[in-house]
PDB file of N, CA and C in Angstrom:
ATOM      1  N   MET A   1     -41.034 188.565-127.819  1.00  0.00           N
ATOM      2  CA  MET A   1     -39.717 188.678-126.490  1.00  0.00           C
ATOM      3  C   MET A   1     -39.128 187.842-126.176  1.00  0.00           C
ATOM      4  N   ARG A   2     -37.873 187.971-125.909  1.00  0.00           N
ATOM      5  CA  ARG A   2     -37.133 186.730-125.833  1.00  0.00           C
ATOM      6  C   ARG A   2     -37.039 186.821-124.123  1.00  0.00           C
ATOM      7  N   ARG A   3     -37.266 185.371-123.799  1.00  0.00           N
ATOM      8  CA  ARG A   3     -37.297 185.179-122.613  1.00  0.00           C
ATOM      9  C   ARG A   3     -35.696 184.460-122.474  1.00  0.00           C
ATOM     10  N   ALA A   4     -35.410 184.655-120.673  1.00  0.00           N
ATOM     11  CA  ALA A   4     -34.131 183.548-120.213  1.00  0.00           C
ATOM     12  C   ALA A   4     -34.673 182.452-120.333  1.00  0.00           C
ATOM     13  N   GLY A   5     -33.511 181.414-120.180  1.00  0.00           N
ATOM     14  CA  GLY A   5     -33.771 180.290-119.618  1.00  0.00           C
ATOM     15  C   GLY A   5     -33.129 179.290-120.889  1.00  0.00           C
ATOM     16  N   PRO A   6     -33.321 177.617-120.910  1.00  0.00           N
ATOM     17  CA  PRO A   6     -32.481 177.145-121.497  1.00  0.00           C
ATOM     18  C   PRO A   6     -32.863 177.697-123.228  1.00  0.00           C
ATOM     19  N   LEU A   7     -32.177 176.735-123.954  1.00  0.00           N
ATOM     20  CA  LEU A   7     -32.201 176.990-125.274  1.00  0.00           C
ATOM     21  C   LEU A   7     -33.469 175.666-126.314  1.00  0.00           C
ATOM     22  N   SER A   8     -33.886 176.490-126.964  1.00  0.00           N
ATOM     23  CA  SER A   8     -34.877 175.383-127.520  1.00  0.00           C
ATOM     24  C   SER A   8     -33.844 174.473-128.822  1.00  0.00           C
ATOM     25  N   LYS A   9     -33.105 175.226-128.880  1.00  0.00           N
ATOM     26  CA  LYS A   9     -32.056 174.197-130.172  1.00  0.00           C
ATOM     27  C   LYS A   9     -31.763 173.024-130.192  1.00  0.00           C
ATOM     28  N   GLY A  10     -31.615 173.130-128.835  1.00  0.00           N
ATOM     29  CA  GLY A  10     -30.943 171.450-129.052  1.00  0.00           C
ATOM     30  C   GLY A  10     -29.988 170.866-127.916  1.00  0.00           C
ATOM     31  N   ALA A  11     -29.662 170.253-127.560  1.00  0.00           N
ATOM     32  CA  ALA A  11     -29.139 169.567-126.215  1.00  0.00           C
ATOM     33  C   ALA A  11     -27.904 169.830-125.994  1.00  0.00           C
ATOM     34  N   GLY A  12     -27.015 170.233-126.770  1.00  0.00           N
ATOM     35  CA  GLY A  12     -25.353 169.753-127.406  1.00  0.00           C
ATOM     36  C   GLY A  12     -24.691 171.056-126.255  1.00  0.00           C
ATOM     37  N   LEU A  13     -23.150 170.680-126.229  1.00  0.00           N
ATOM     38  CA  LEU A  13     -22.061 171.231-125.522  1.00  0.00           C
ATOM     39  C   LEU A  13     -22.201 172.798-126.517  1.00  0.00           C
ATOM     40  N   CYS A  14     -21.719 172.468-127.898  1.00  0.00           N
ATOM     41  CA  CYS A  14     -21.558 173.452-128.886  1.00  0.00           C
ATOM     42  C   CYS A  14     -23.179 173.965-129.177  1.00  0.00           C
ATOM     43  N   HIS A  15     -23.657 175.232-129.047  1.00  0.00           N
ATOM     44  CA  HIS A  15     -24.828 176.312-129.384  1.00  0.00           C
ATOM     45  C   HIS A  15     -25.955 175.058-128.633  1.00  0.00           C
ATOM     46  N   GLY A  16     -25.839 174.426-127.732  1.00  0.00           N
ATOM     47  CA  GLY A  16     -26.773 173.969-127.008  1.00  0.00           C
ATOM     48  C   GLY A  16     -27.000 174.044-125.636  1.00  0.00           C
ATOM     49  N   THR A  17     -27.709 173.760-124.744  1.00  0.00           N
ATOM     50  CA  THR A  17     -28.394 174.252-123.579  1.00  0.00           C
ATOM     51  C   THR A  17     -26.853 173.426-122.375  1.00  0.00           C
ATOM     52  N   ALA A  18     -26.364 172.420-123.060  1.00  0.00           N
ATOM     53  CA  ALA A  18     -25.308 172.172-122.275  1.00  0.00           C
ATOM     54  C   ALA A  18     -23.978 172.930-122.069  1.00  0.00           C
ATOM     55  N   GLY A  19     -24.108 173.475-123.494  1.00  0.00           N
ATOM     56  CA  GLY A  19     -22.733 174.596-123.005  1.00  0.00           C
ATOM     57  C   GLY A  19     -22.845 176.124-122.252  1.00  0.00           C
ATOM     58  N   ASN A  20     -24.344 176.405-122.578  1.00  0.00           N
ATOM     59  CA  ASN A  20     -24.686 177.342-121.678  1.00  0.00           C
ATOM     60  C   ASN A  20     -24.483 176.734-120.254  1.00  0.00           C
ATOM     61  N   GLY A  21     -25.411 175.561-120.050  1.00  0.00           N
ATOM     62  CA  GLY A  21     -24.796 175.164-118.747  1.00  0.00           C
ATOM     63  C   GLY A  21     -23.813 175.435-117.875  1.00  0.00           C
ATOM     64  N   TYR A  22     -22.977 175.083-118.893  1.00  0.00           N
ATOM     65  CA  TYR A  22     -21.519 175.178-117.956  1.00  0.00           C
ATOM     66  C   TYR A  22     -21.016 176.276-118.055  1.00  0.00           C
ATOM     67  N   ALA A  23     -21.557 177.569-118.791  1.00  0.00           N
ATOM     68  CA  ALA A  23     -21.140 178.947-118.028  1.00  0.00           C
ATOM     69  C   ALA A  23     -22.068 179.421-116.732  1.00  0.00           C
ATOM     70  N   LEU A  24     -23.167 178.072-116.481  1.00  0.00           N
ATOM     71  CA  LEU A  24     -23.310 178.587-115.178  1.00  0.00           C
ATOM     72  C   LEU A  24     -23.175 177.880-113.911  1.00  0.00           C
ATOM     73  N   LEU A  25     -22.384 176.808-114.080  1.00  0.00           N
ATOM     74  CA  LEU A  25     -21.575 176.101-113.423  1.00  0.00           C
ATOM     75  C   LEU A  25     -20.271 176.930-113.358  1.00  0.00           C
ATOM     76  N   LYS A  26     -19.438 177.197-114.293  1.00  0.00           N
ATOM     77  CA  LYS A  26     -18.797 178.857-114.030  1.00  0.00           C
ATOM     78  C   LYS A  26     -18.377 179.537-113.065  1.00  0.00           C
ATOM     79  N   LEU A  27     -19.995 180.538-112.850  1.00  0.00           N
ATOM     80  CA  LEU A  27     -20.719 181.411-112.290  1.00  0.00           C
ATOM     81  C   LEU A  27     -20.487 180.313-110.887  1.00  0.00           C
ATOM     82  N   TRP A  28     -21.088 179.904-110.574  1.00  0.00           N
ATOM     83  CA  TRP A  28     -21.108 178.414-109.141  1.00  0.00           C
ATOM     84  C   TRP A  28     -19.481 178.529-108.611  1.00  0.00           C
ATOM     85  N   THR A  29     -18.657 178.071-109.780  1.00  0.00           N
ATOM     86  CA  THR A  29     -17.136 177.727-108.897  1.00  0.00           C
ATOM     87  C   THR A  29     -16.987 179.072-109.274  1.00  0.00           C
ATOM     88  N   ARG A  30     -17.033 179.834-109.562  1.00  0.00           N
ATOM     89  CA  ARG A  30     -16.349 181.509-109.052  1.00  0.00           C
ATOM     90  C   ARG A  30     -16.601 182.418-107.851  1.00  0.00           C
ATOM     91  N   THR A  31     -18.090 182.439-107.823  1.00  0.00           N
ATOM     92  CA  THR A  31     -18.940 183.273-106.749  1.00  0.00           C
ATOM     93  C   THR A  31     -19.197 182.342-105.432  1.00  0.00           C
ATOM     94  N   GLY A  32     -19.368 181.150-105.494  1.00  0.00           N
ATOM     95  CA  GLY A  32     -20.085 180.342-104.746  1.00  0.00           C
ATOM     96  C   GLY A  32     -21.711 180.400-104.281  1.00  0.00           C
ATOM     97  N   ASP A  33     -22.029 181.341-104.989  1.00  0.00           N
ATOM     98  CA  ASP A  33     -23.507 181.659-104.955  1.00  0.00           C
ATOM     99  C   ASP A  33     -24.315 180.346-105.561  1.00  0.00           C
ATOM    100  N   ALA A  34     -24.982 179.630-104.842  1.00  0.00           N
ATOM    101  CA  ALA A  34     -25.545 178.107-104.901  1.00  0.00           C
ATOM    102  C   ALA A  34     -26.914 178.351-105.794  1.00  0.00           C
ATOM    103  N   ILE A  35     -27.321 179.708-106.151  1.00  0.00           N
ATOM    104  CA  ILE A  35     -28.342 180.105-107.252  1.00  0.00           C
ATOM    105  C   ILE A  35     -27.565 179.587-108.650  1.00  0.00           C
ATOM    106  N   TRP A  36     -26.794 179.414-108.527  1.00  0.00           N
ATOM    107  CA  TRP A  36     -25.777 179.191-110.033  1.00  0.00           C
ATOM    108  C   TRP A  36     -25.864 178.032-110.538  1.00  0.00           C
ATOM    109  N   LEU A  37     -25.506 176.958-109.189  1.00  0.00           N
ATOM    110  CA  LEU A  37     -25.814 175.530-109.799  1.00  0.00           C
ATOM    111  C   LEU A  37     -27.330 175.086-109.494  1.00  0.00           C
ATOM    112  N   ALA A  38     -27.779 175.774-109.071  1.00  0.00           N
ATOM    113  CA  ALA A  38     -29.485 175.571-109.201  1.00  0.00           C
ATOM    114  C   ALA A  38     -30.236 175.549-110.254  1.00  0.00           C
ATOM    115  N   ARG A  39     -29.551 176.533-111.025  1.00  0.00           N
ATOM    116  CA  ARG A  39     -29.720 177.339-112.620  1.00  0.00           C
ATOM    117  C   ARG A  39     -28.992 176.111-113.200  1.00  0.00           C
ATOM    118  N   ALA A  40     -27.785 175.883-113.308  1.00  0.00           N
ATOM    119  CA  ALA A  40     -27.199 175.091-113.675  1.00  0.00           C
ATOM    120  C   ALA A  40     -28.183 173.188-113.799  1.00  0.00           C
ATOM    121  N   ARG A  41     -28.472 173.192-112.737  1.00  0.00           N
ATOM    122  CA  ARG A  41     -29.003 171.741-112.568  1.00  0.00           C
ATOM    123  C   ARG A  41     -30.505 171.939-113.540  1.00  0.00           C
ATOM    124  N   ALA A  42     -31.157 173.019-112.992  1.00  0.00           N
ATOM    125  CA  ALA A  42     -32.598 173.046-114.373  1.00  0.00           C
ATOM    126  C   ALA A  42     -32.364 173.219-115.632  1.00  0.00           C
ATOM    127  N   PHE A  43     -30.690 173.428-116.053  1.00  0.00           N
ATOM    128  CA  PHE A  43     -29.934 173.659-117.537  1.00  0.00           C
ATOM    129  C   PHE A  43     -30.385 171.911-117.815  1.00  0.00           C
ATOM    130  N   ALA A  44     -30.029 171.087-116.537  1.00  0.00           N
ATOM    131  CA  ALA A  44     -29.457 169.541-116.992  1.00  0.00           C
ATOM    132  C   ALA A  44     -30.561 168.602-117.274  1.00  0.00           C
ATOM    133  N   MET A  45     -31.531 169.201-116.284  1.00  0.00           N
ATOM    134  CA  MET A  45     -33.003 168.635-116.548  1.00  0.00           C
ATOM    135  C   MET A  45     -33.404 169.056-117.814  1.00  0.00           C
ATOM    136  N   HIS A  46     -33.193 170.169-117.909  1.00  0.00           N
ATOM    137  CA  HIS A  46     -34.070 170.566-119.725  1.00  0.00           C
ATOM    138  C   HIS A  46     -33.279 169.985-120.968  1.00  0.00           C
ATOM    139  N   ALA A  47     -31.985 169.211-120.655  1.00  0.00           N
ATOM    140  CA  ALA A  47     -30.965 169.327-121.891  1.00  0.00           C
ATOM    141  C   ALA A  47     -31.824 167.453-121.662  1.00  0.00           C
ATOM    142  N   ILE A  48     -32.286 166.677-120.635  1.00  0.00           N
ATOM    143  CA  ILE A  48     -32.255 165.422-120.494  1.00  0.00           C
ATOM    144  C   ILE A  48     -33.859 165.452-121.068  1.00  0.00           C
ATOM    145  N   GLU A  49     -34.365 166.152-120.810  1.00  0.00           N
ATOM    146  CA  GLU A  49     -35.499 166.046-121.995  1.00  0.00           C
ATOM    147  C   GLU A  49     -35.263 166.507-123.163  1.00  0.00           C
ATOM    148  N   GLN A  50     -34.782 167.288-123.970  1.00  0.00           N
ATOM    149  CA  GLN A  50     -34.381 167.167-125.009  1.00  0.00           C
ATOM    150  C   GLN A  50     -33.618 166.132-125.769  1.00  0.00           C
ATOM    151  N   VAL A  51     -33.089 165.518-124.933  1.00  0.00           N
ATOM    152  CA  VAL A  51     -32.348 164.182-125.758  1.00  0.00           C
ATOM    153  C   VAL A  51     -33.304 162.882-125.424  1.00  0.00           C
ATOM    154  N   GLU A  52     -33.958 162.914-124.669  1.00  0.00           N
ATOM    155  CA  GLU A  52     -35.016 162.001-124.908  1.00  0.00           C
ATOM    156  C   GLU A  52     -36.193 162.464-126.109  1.00  0.00           C
ATOM    157  N   ALA A  53     -36.084 163.646-126.096  1.00  0.00           N
ATOM    158  CA  ALA A  53     -37.217 163.455-127.874  1.00  0.00           C
ATOM    159  C   ALA A  53     -36.416 163.701-128.678  1.00  0.00           C
ATOM    160  N   GLU A  54     -35.407 164.052-128.905  1.00  0.00           N
ATOM    161  CA  GLU A  54     -34.288 163.791-130.227  1.00  0.00           C
ATOM    162  C   GLU A  54     -34.540 162.007-130.417  1.00  0.00           C
ATOM    163  N   ARG A  55     -34.737 161.317-129.325  1.00  0.00           N
ATOM    164  CA  ARG A  55     -34.558 159.940-129.390  1.00  0.00           C
ATOM    165  C   ARG A  55     -35.796 159.348-129.603  1.00  0.00           C
ATOM    166  N   ILE A  56     -36.595 159.426-129.346  1.00  0.00           N
ATOM    167  CA  ILE A  56     -38.238 159.775-129.586  1.00  0.00           C
ATOM    168  C   ILE A  56     -38.870 160.005-131.019  1.00  0.00           C
ATOM    169  N   LYS A  57     -37.755 161.275-131.361  1.00  0.00           N
ATOM    170  CA  LYS A  57     -38.347 161.579-132.737  1.00  0.00           C
ATOM    171  C   LYS A  57     -37.613 160.865-133.907  1.00  0.00           C
ATOM    172  N   HIS A  58     -35.778 160.263-133.307  1.00  0.00           N
ATOM    173  CA  HIS A  58     -35.055 159.883-134.821  1.00  0.00           C
ATOM    174  C   HIS A  58     -34.629 158.648-134.525  1.00  0.00           C
ATOM    175  N   GLY A  59     -35.623 157.822-133.326  1.00  0.00           N
ATOM    176  CA  GLY A  59     -35.317 156.863-133.161  1.00  0.00           C
ATOM    177  C   GLY A  59     -33.759 155.950-132.804  1.00  0.00           C
ATOM    178  N   GLN A  60     -33.371 157.146-132.616  1.00  0.00           N
ATOM    179  CA  GLN A  60     -31.997 156.714-131.827  1.00  0.00           C
ATOM    180  C   GLN A  60     -30.944 158.269-131.333  1.00  0.00           C
ATOM    181  N   GLY A  61     -29.842 158.194-130.663  1.00  0.00           N
ATOM    182  CA  GLY A  61     -28.830 159.202-129.898  1.00  0.00           C
ATOM    183  C   GLY A  61     -27.932 159.483-131.255  1.00  0.00           C
ATOM    184  N   TRP A  62     -27.480 160.796-130.811  1.00  0.00           N
ATOM    185  CA  TRP A  62     -26.716 161.316-131.358  1.00  0.00           C
ATOM    186  C   TRP A  62     -25.477 161.123-130.645  1.00  0.00           C
ATOM    187  N   HIS A  63     -24.274 160.425-131.316  1.00  0.00           N
ATOM    188  CA  HIS A  63     -23.030 159.880-130.319  1.00  0.00           C
ATOM    189  C   HIS A  63     -22.189 160.660-131.293  1.00  0.00           C
ATOM    190  N   THR A  64     -22.053 162.096-130.417  1.00  0.00           N
ATOM    191  CA  THR A  64     -20.963 163.066-130.822  1.00  0.00           C
ATOM    192  C   THR A  64     -20.402 163.897-129.308  1.00  0.00           C
ATOM    193  N   LEU A  65     -19.175 164.102-129.405  1.00  0.00           N
ATOM    194  CA  LEU A  65     -19.255 165.237-128.289  1.00  0.00           C
ATOM    195  C   LEU A  65     -19.608 166.499-127.925  1.00  0.00           C
ATOM    196  N   TRP A  66     -19.353 167.488-129.445  1.00  0.00           N
ATOM    197  CA  TRP A  66     -20.048 168.820-129.013  1.00  0.00           C
ATOM    198  C   TRP A  66     -21.645 168.946-129.390  1.00  0.00           C
ATOM    199  N   THR A  67     -21.918 168.319-130.194  1.00  0.00           N
ATOM    200  CA  THR A  67     -23.413 168.456-130.155  1.00  0.00           C
ATOM    201  C   THR A  67     -24.416 167.313-130.223  1.00  0.00           C
ATOM    202  N   GLY A  68     -23.791 166.078-129.403  1.00  0.00           N
ATOM    203  CA  GLY A  68     -24.671 165.192-129.360  1.00  0.00           C
ATOM    204  C   GLY A  68     -24.949 164.340-127.651  1.00  0.00           C
ATOM    205  N   ASP A  69     -25.162 163.512-127.772  1.00  0.00           N
ATOM    206  CA  ASP A  69     -25.389 162.869-125.942  1.00  0.00           C
ATOM    207  C   ASP A  69     -23.835 162.594-125.461  1.00  0.00           C
ATOM    208  N   LEU A  70     -23.029 162.478-125.917  1.00  0.00           N
ATOM    209  CA  LEU A  70     -22.117 162.483-125.079  1.00  0.00           C
ATOM    210  C   LEU A  70     -21.390 163.412-124.255  1.00  0.00           C
ATOM    211  N   GLY A  71     -21.847 164.641-125.029  1.00  0.00           N
ATOM    212  CA  GLY A  71     -21.236 165.779-124.306  1.00  0.00           C
ATOM    213  C   GLY A  71     -22.356 166.495-122.921  1.00  0.00           C
ATOM    214  N   VAL A  72     -23.807 166.095-123.594  1.00  0.00           N
ATOM    215  CA  VAL A  72     -24.803 166.514-122.307  1.00  0.00           C
ATOM    216  C   VAL A  72     -23.832 165.354-121.259  1.00  0.00           C
ATOM    217  N   ALA A  73     -23.788 163.903-121.310  1.00  0.00           N
ATOM    218  CA  ALA A  73     -23.951 163.403-120.485  1.00  0.00           C
ATOM    219  C   ALA A  73     -22.508 163.919-119.434  1.00  0.00           C
ATOM    220  N   MET A  74     -21.394 164.721-120.294  1.00  0.00           N
ATOM    221  CA  MET A  74     -20.669 164.851-119.615  1.00  0.00           C
ATOM    222  C   MET A  74     -20.899 166.194-118.767  1.00  0.00           C
ATOM    223  N   PHE A  75     -21.530 167.203-119.170  1.00  0.00           N
ATOM    224  CA  PHE A  75     -22.585 168.161-118.540  1.00  0.00           C
ATOM    225  C   PHE A  75     -23.639 167.624-117.376  1.00  0.00           C
ATOM    226  N   LEU A  76     -23.903 166.314-117.384  1.00  0.00           N
ATOM    227  CA  LEU A  76     -24.794 166.321-116.325  1.00  0.00           C
ATOM    228  C   LEU A  76     -23.983 165.325-115.549  1.00  0.00           C
ATOM    229  N   ALA A  77     -22.766 164.826-115.432  1.00  0.00           N
ATOM    230  CA  ALA A  77     -22.194 164.623-114.651  1.00  0.00           C
ATOM    231  C   ALA A  77     -21.446 165.703-113.912  1.00  0.00           C
ATOM    232  N   SER A  78     -20.689 166.907-114.422  1.00  0.00           N
ATOM    233  CA  SER A  78     -20.737 167.744-114.053  1.00  0.00           C
ATOM    234  C   SER A  78     -21.182 168.623-112.900  1.00  0.00           C
ATOM    235  N   CYS A  79     -22.946 168.776-113.297  1.00  0.00           N
ATOM    236  CA  CYS A  79     -23.756 169.133-112.321  1.00  0.00           C
ATOM    237  C   CYS A  79     -24.039 168.116-111.167  1.00  0.00           C
ATOM    238  N   VAL A  80     -24.091 166.812-111.540  1.00  0.00           N
ATOM    239  CA  VAL A  80     -24.023 166.235-110.211  1.00  0.00           C
ATOM    240  C   VAL A  80     -22.548 166.252-109.335  1.00  0.00           C
ATOM    241  N   ALA A  81     -21.508 166.630-109.533  1.00  0.00           N
ATOM    242  CA  ALA A  81     -20.232 166.449-108.981  1.00  0.00           C
ATOM    243  C   ALA A  81     -20.042 168.411-108.920  1.00  0.00           C
ATOM    244  N   GLY A  82     -20.895 169.401-108.929  1.00  0.00           N
ATOM    245  CA  GLY A  82     -20.891 170.622-108.475  1.00  0.00           C
ATOM    246  C   GLY A  82     -19.272 171.043-109.487  1.00  0.00           C
ATOM    247  N   ASP A  83     -18.824 170.794-110.375  1.00  0.00           N
ATOM    248  CA  ASP A  83     -17.892 171.005-110.741  1.00  0.00           C
ATOM    249  C   ASP A  83     -17.624 171.510-112.040  1.00  0.00           C
ATOM    250  N   SER A  84     -17.518 172.582-111.978  1.00  0.00           N
ATOM    251  CA  SER A  84     -17.246 173.421-113.726  1.00  0.00           C
ATOM    252  C   SER A  84     -15.896 173.343-114.618  1.00  0.00           C
ATOM    253  N   GLU A  85     -14.917 172.087-114.422  1.00  0.00           N
ATOM    254  CA  GLU A  85     -13.891 172.493-115.385  1.00  0.00           C
ATOM    255  C   GLU A  85     -14.431 171.364-116.463  1.00  0.00           C
ATOM    256  N   PHE A  86     -14.031 172.118-117.533  1.00  0.00           N
ATOM    257  CA  PHE A  86     -14.331 171.543-119.003  1.00  0.00           C
ATOM    258  C   PHE A  86     -13.474 170.431-119.464  1.00  0.00           C
ATOM    259  N   GLY A  87     -13.826 169.510-119.244  1.00  0.00           N
ATOM    260  CA  GLY A  87     -12.930 168.720-119.476  1.00  0.00           C
ATOM    261  C   GLY A  87     -11.552 168.224-120.909  1.00  0.00           C
ATOM    262  N   THR A  88     -12.124 169.090-121.868  1.00  0.00           N
ATOM    263  CA  THR A  88     -11.473 169.057-123.089  1.00  0.00           C
ATOM    264  C   THR A  88     -10.902 170.697-123.302  1.00  0.00           C
ATOM    265  N   LEU A  89     -10.867 171.581-122.259  1.00  0.00           N
ATOM    266  CA  LEU A  89     -10.634 173.037-122.241  1.00  0.00           C
ATOM    267  C   LEU A  89      -9.894 172.966-120.856  1.00  0.00           C
ATOM    268  N   ASP A  90     -10.263 172.755-120.126  1.00  0.00           N
ATOM    269  CA  ASP A  90      -9.603 173.389-118.553  1.00  0.00           C
ATOM    270  C   ASP A  90      -8.488 172.021-118.308  1.00  0.00           C
ATOM    271  N   VAL A  91      -7.708 171.867-119.330  1.00  0.00           N
ATOM    272  CA  VAL A  91      -7.023 170.693-118.742  1.00  0.00           C
ATOM    273  C   VAL A  91      -5.366 171.393-118.871  1.00  0.00           C
ATOM    274  N   PHE A  92      -5.788 172.370-119.776  1.00  0.00           N
ATOM    275  CA  PHE A  92      -4.557 173.017-120.456  1.00  0.00           C
ATOM    276  C   PHE A  92      -3.820 174.290-119.500  1.00  0.00           C
TER     277      PHE A  92
END
């Protein structure tokens, strides 16, 4: 049985916890319902744990935007600001 919540696949923007978390941030900005911001921030905390676990496992970070730590950092900053604008897509 599948359960709701953050992915165990990885922390990144592309098919990972941070990318899914942006969907929750979009729901926050579209509805104004604080439950979506709280859920996005819970995903952010999970993503931090995933990044730390990968650093321990591999002895280094993953320095890419879409699949690595940089995208997670971008998501974390958005969670702190309560902003859902996706820096590489929402500027057009």
